[in-house]
């Protein structure tokens, strides 16, 4: 009996100590804040001379930010059917991308131009993927 009580006390103490930052938010009725993480390095920050250009040369055009999304280039490959492609996109039996689509208001990023997607799952809106990942409504499935 004493052994069981000791184990329960140790368990409760471990949970309370390990999650104290959450318990503090509960007990003080304030939003809990996760422990601070180390600061991330500044984007685009390079030491002088690290651009690869010889000293005194004109600065090259700035590159896209490191986390910027880029649409896929056009491809001649037919759309896969009933499978998942190398980008993690799931295609149905008609070759329409239905799940795993990386999209935002600017377009789609992991389905090449010339293919079709359904936004909203298997019964969602049918869209054609155009150049630069732009989406346009489609009236029927191309097959």
C-alpha atoms as a PDB file:
ATOM      1  CA  UNK A   1       0.000   0.000   0.000  1.00  0.00           C
ATOM      2  CA  UNK A   2       2.831   2.387   0.882  1.00  0.00           C
ATOM      3  CA  UNK A   3       4.588   1.595  -2.378  1.00  0.00           C
ATOM      4  CA  UNK A   4       1.483   2.452  -4.409  1.00  0.00           C
ATOM      5  CA  UNK A   5       0.998   5.734  -2.518  1.00  0.00           C
ATOM      6  CA  UNK A   6       4.662   6.652  -3.074  1.00  0.00           C
ATOM      7  CA  UNK A   7       4.403   5.955  -6.806  1.00  0.00           C
ATOM      8  CA  UNK A   8       1.235   8.060  -7.095  1.00  0.00           C
ATOM      9  CA  UNK A   9       2.870  10.979  -5.271  1.00  0.00           C
ATOM     10  CA  UNK A  10       5.960  10.764  -7.515  1.00  0.00           C
ATOM     11  CA  UNK A  11       3.758  10.638 -10.606  1.00  0.00           C
ATOM     12  CA  UNK A  12       1.696  13.645  -9.508  1.00  0.00           C
ATOM     13  CA  UNK A  13       4.839  15.620  -8.599  1.00  0.00           C
ATOM     14  CA  UNK A  14       6.426  14.856 -11.982  1.00  0.00           C
ATOM     15  CA  UNK A  15       3.330  15.939 -13.916  1.00  0.00           C
ATOM     16  CA  UNK A  16       2.930  19.096 -11.822  1.00  0.00           C
ATOM     17  CA  UNK A  17       6.608  20.067 -12.121  1.00  0.00           C
ATOM     18  CA  UNK A  18       6.887  19.252 -15.838  1.00  0.00           C
ATOM     19  CA  UNK A  19       3.792  21.205 -16.803  1.00  0.00           C
ATOM     20  CA  UNK A  20       4.107  24.040 -14.312  1.00  0.00           C
ATOM     21  CA  UNK A  21       4.020  26.704 -17.038  1.00  0.00           C
ATOM     22  CA  UNK A  22       0.544  25.432 -17.982  1.00  0.00           C
ATOM     23  CA  UNK A  23      -0.598  25.046 -14.388  1.00  0.00           C
ATOM     24  CA  UNK A  24       0.480  28.621 -13.730  1.00  0.00           C
ATOM     25  CA  UNK A  25      -1.860  29.828 -16.484  1.00  0.00           C
ATOM     26  CA  UNK A  26      -4.726  27.754 -15.077  1.00  0.00           C
ATOM     27  CA  UNK A  27      -4.246  28.870 -11.476  1.00  0.00           C
ATOM     28  CA  UNK A  28      -3.789  32.564 -12.307  1.00  0.00           C
ATOM     29  CA  UNK A  29      -6.476  32.592 -15.039  1.00  0.00           C
ATOM     30  CA  UNK A  30      -4.028  34.066 -17.519  1.00  0.00           C
ATOM     31  CA  UNK A  31      -2.948  32.706 -20.896  1.00  0.00           C
ATOM     32  CA  UNK A  32      -0.210  30.129 -20.559  1.00  0.00           C
ATOM     33  CA  UNK A  33       2.981  30.988 -22.397  1.00  0.00           C
ATOM     34  CA  UNK A  34       5.279  28.217 -23.545  1.00  0.00           C
ATOM     35  CA  UNK A  35       8.902  28.279 -22.391  1.00  0.00           C
ATOM     36  CA  UNK A  36      11.048  30.617 -24.484  1.00  0.00           C
ATOM     37  CA  UNK A  37      12.872  29.149 -27.473  1.00  0.00           C
ATOM     38  CA  UNK A  38      16.296  30.311 -28.629  1.00  0.00           C
ATOM     39  CA  UNK A  39      16.076  33.203 -31.118  1.00  0.00           C
ATOM     40  CA  UNK A  40      16.043  32.265 -34.804  1.00  0.00           C
ATOM     41  CA  UNK A  41      18.781  33.699 -37.029  1.00  0.00           C
ATOM     42  CA  UNK A  42      17.742  36.762 -39.012  1.00  0.00           C
ATOM     43  CA  UNK A  43      16.563  36.012 -42.552  1.00  0.00           C
ATOM     44  CA  UNK A  44      18.877  37.135 -45.292  1.00  0.00           C
ATOM     45  CA  UNK A  45      21.584  38.192 -42.846  1.00  0.00           C
ATOM     46  CA  UNK A  46      25.024  37.456 -44.243  1.00  0.00           C
ATOM     47  CA  UNK A  47      28.413  38.516 -43.048  1.00  0.00           C
ATOM     48  CA  UNK A  48      30.205  41.005 -45.320  1.00  0.00           C
ATOM     49  CA  UNK A  49      31.704  39.325 -48.377  1.00  0.00           C
ATOM     50  CA  UNK A  50      29.526  36.211 -48.031  1.00  0.00           C
ATOM     51  CA  UNK A  51      27.461  36.912 -51.159  1.00  0.00           C
ATOM     52  CA  UNK A  52      30.018  35.163 -53.387  1.00  0.00           C
ATOM     53  CA  UNK A  53      30.557  38.264 -55.525  1.00  0.00           C
ATOM     54  CA  UNK A  54      34.094  39.598 -55.854  1.00  0.00           C
ATOM     55  CA  UNK A  55      34.846  42.690 -53.761  1.00  0.00           C
ATOM     56  CA  UNK A  56      33.790  45.884 -55.487  1.00  0.00           C
ATOM     57  CA  UNK A  57      31.329  44.089 -57.823  1.00  0.00           C
ATOM     58  CA  UNK A  58      27.754  45.311 -58.102  1.00  0.00           C
ATOM     59  CA  UNK A  59      25.350  43.535 -55.781  1.00  0.00           C
ATOM     60  CA  UNK A  60      23.410  40.790 -57.566  1.00  0.00           C
ATOM     61  CA  UNK A  61      19.594  40.883 -57.637  1.00  0.00           C
ATOM     62  CA  UNK A  62      18.168  39.824 -54.277  1.00  0.00           C
ATOM     63  CA  UNK A  63      17.091  36.203 -54.102  1.00  0.00           C
ATOM     64  CA  UNK A  64      13.649  35.103 -52.987  1.00  0.00           C
ATOM     65  CA  UNK A  65      13.280  34.702 -49.209  1.00  0.00           C
ATOM     66  CA  UNK A  66      14.390  31.330 -47.892  1.00  0.00           C
ATOM     67  CA  UNK A  67      10.861  30.214 -46.960  1.00  0.00           C
ATOM     68  CA  UNK A  68       9.145  31.512 -50.115  1.00  0.00           C
ATOM     69  CA  UNK A  69       6.942  29.001 -51.900  1.00  0.00           C
ATOM     70  CA  UNK A  70       7.423  28.469 -55.618  1.00  0.00           C
ATOM     71  CA  UNK A  71       4.960  26.722 -57.930  1.00  0.00           C
ATOM     72  CA  UNK A  72       6.109  23.635 -59.780  1.00  0.00           C
ATOM     73  CA  UNK A  73       7.260  23.924 -63.385  1.00  0.00           C
ATOM     74  CA  UNK A  74       5.064  22.421 -66.147  1.00  0.00           C
ATOM     75  CA  UNK A  75       5.518  18.703 -66.790  1.00  0.00           C
ATOM     76  CA  UNK A  76       4.733  16.335 -69.663  1.00  0.00           C
ATOM     77  CA  UNK A  77       4.010  13.461 -67.280  1.00  0.00           C
ATOM     78  CA  UNK A  78       0.359  12.410 -67.144  1.00  0.00           C
ATOM     79  CA  UNK A  79      -1.387  12.858 -63.823  1.00  0.00           C
ATOM     80  CA  UNK A  80      -1.133   9.787 -61.584  1.00  0.00           C
ATOM     81  CA  UNK A  81      -4.332   7.840 -60.894  1.00  0.00           C
ATOM     82  CA  UNK A  82      -5.405   6.269 -57.585  1.00  0.00           C
ATOM     83  CA  UNK A  83      -2.062   6.999 -55.971  1.00  0.00           C
ATOM     84  CA  UNK A  84       0.050   9.538 -54.115  1.00  0.00           C
ATOM     85  CA  UNK A  85       2.803  11.354 -56.027  1.00  0.00           C
ATOM     86  CA  UNK A  86       6.294  12.306 -54.839  1.00  0.00           C
ATOM     87  CA  UNK A  87       4.958  15.633 -53.464  1.00  0.00           C
ATOM     88  CA  UNK A  88       2.438  13.911 -51.164  1.00  0.00           C
ATOM     89  CA  UNK A  89      -0.587  14.798 -53.312  1.00  0.00           C
ATOM     90  CA  UNK A  90      -3.321  12.139 -53.540  1.00  0.00           C
ATOM     91  CA  UNK A  91      -4.956  11.667 -56.957  1.00  0.00           C
ATOM     92  CA  UNK A  92      -8.315   9.991 -57.627  1.00  0.00           C
ATOM     93  CA  UNK A  93      -9.193   7.517 -60.408  1.00  0.00           C
ATOM     94  CA  UNK A  94      -9.642  10.370 -62.920  1.00  0.00           C
ATOM     95  CA  UNK A  95      -6.225  11.907 -62.224  1.00  0.00           C
ATOM     96  CA  UNK A  96      -7.582  14.858 -60.218  1.00  0.00           C
ATOM     97  CA  UNK A  97      -5.611  15.927 -57.125  1.00  0.00           C
ATOM     98  CA  UNK A  98      -7.958  15.651 -54.122  1.00  0.00           C
ATOM     99  CA  UNK A  99      -5.836  15.691 -50.940  1.00  0.00           C
ATOM    100  CA  UNK A 100      -2.459  16.951 -49.771  1.00  0.00           C
ATOM    101  CA  UNK A 101      -2.655  20.068 -51.948  1.00  0.00           C
ATOM    102  CA  UNK A 102      -0.467  22.983 -50.793  1.00  0.00           C
ATOM    103  CA  UNK A 103      -2.486  26.048 -51.753  1.00  0.00           C
ATOM    104  CA  UNK A 104      -3.173  29.604 -50.667  1.00  0.00           C
ATOM    105  CA  UNK A 105      -4.884  32.624 -52.286  1.00  0.00           C
ATOM    106  CA  UNK A 106      -1.906  33.011 -54.658  1.00  0.00           C
ATOM    107  CA  UNK A 107      -2.205  29.531 -56.158  1.00  0.00           C
ATOM    108  CA  UNK A 108      -1.110  25.944 -55.721  1.00  0.00           C
ATOM    109  CA  UNK A 109       2.496  24.905 -55.063  1.00  0.00           C
ATOM    110  CA  UNK A 110       2.747  21.117 -55.271  1.00  0.00           C
ATOM    111  CA  UNK A 111       0.641  20.322 -58.369  1.00  0.00           C
ATOM    112  CA  UNK A 112       2.194  21.145 -61.771  1.00  0.00           C
ATOM    113  CA  UNK A 113       0.373  23.350 -64.313  1.00  0.00           C
ATOM    114  CA  UNK A 114      -1.936  21.479 -66.685  1.00  0.00           C
ATOM    115  CA  UNK A 115      -3.417  19.231 -64.008  1.00  0.00           C
ATOM    116  CA  UNK A 116      -6.658  19.566 -62.089  1.00  0.00           C
ATOM    117  CA  UNK A 117      -7.397  19.806 -58.366  1.00  0.00           C
ATOM    118  CA  UNK A 118     -10.484  19.620 -56.191  1.00  0.00           C
ATOM    119  CA  UNK A 119     -10.394  22.286 -53.511  1.00  0.00           C
ATOM    120  CA  UNK A 120     -12.413  21.139 -50.524  1.00  0.00           C
ATOM    121  CA  UNK A 121     -11.790  17.393 -50.773  1.00  0.00           C
ATOM    122  CA  UNK A 122     -13.166  14.714 -53.105  1.00  0.00           C
ATOM    123  CA  UNK A 123     -16.491  16.539 -53.607  1.00  0.00           C
ATOM    124  CA  UNK A 124     -15.047  20.079 -53.695  1.00  0.00           C
ATOM    125  CA  UNK A 125     -14.747  22.651 -56.476  1.00  0.00           C
ATOM    126  CA  UNK A 126     -12.922  21.444 -59.601  1.00  0.00           C
ATOM    127  CA  UNK A 127     -10.095  23.789 -60.648  1.00  0.00           C
ATOM    128  CA  UNK A 128      -7.492  23.835 -63.430  1.00  0.00           C
ATOM    129  CA  UNK A 129      -3.881  24.578 -62.434  1.00  0.00           C
ATOM    130  CA  UNK A 130      -2.433  27.216 -64.750  1.00  0.00           C
ATOM    131  CA  UNK A 131       1.007  28.802 -65.148  1.00  0.00           C
ATOM    132  CA  UNK A 132       2.641  29.904 -61.885  1.00  0.00           C
ATOM    133  CA  UNK A 133       0.171  27.722 -59.958  1.00  0.00           C
ATOM    134  CA  UNK A 134      -2.809  30.000 -60.626  1.00  0.00           C
ATOM    135  CA  UNK A 135      -6.200  28.315 -60.240  1.00  0.00           C
ATOM    136  CA  UNK A 136      -9.166  28.782 -62.586  1.00  0.00           C
ATOM    137  CA  UNK A 137     -12.589  27.110 -62.311  1.00  0.00           C
ATOM    138  CA  UNK A 138     -13.079  24.040 -64.507  1.00  0.00           C
ATOM    139  CA  UNK A 139     -16.401  22.845 -65.869  1.00  0.00           C
ATOM    140  CA  UNK A 140     -15.520  19.178 -66.382  1.00  0.00           C
ATOM    141  CA  UNK A 141     -12.791  16.662 -65.622  1.00  0.00           C
ATOM    142  CA  UNK A 142     -10.200  16.325 -68.352  1.00  0.00           C
ATOM    143  CA  UNK A 143      -9.248  12.749 -68.812  1.00  0.00           C
END
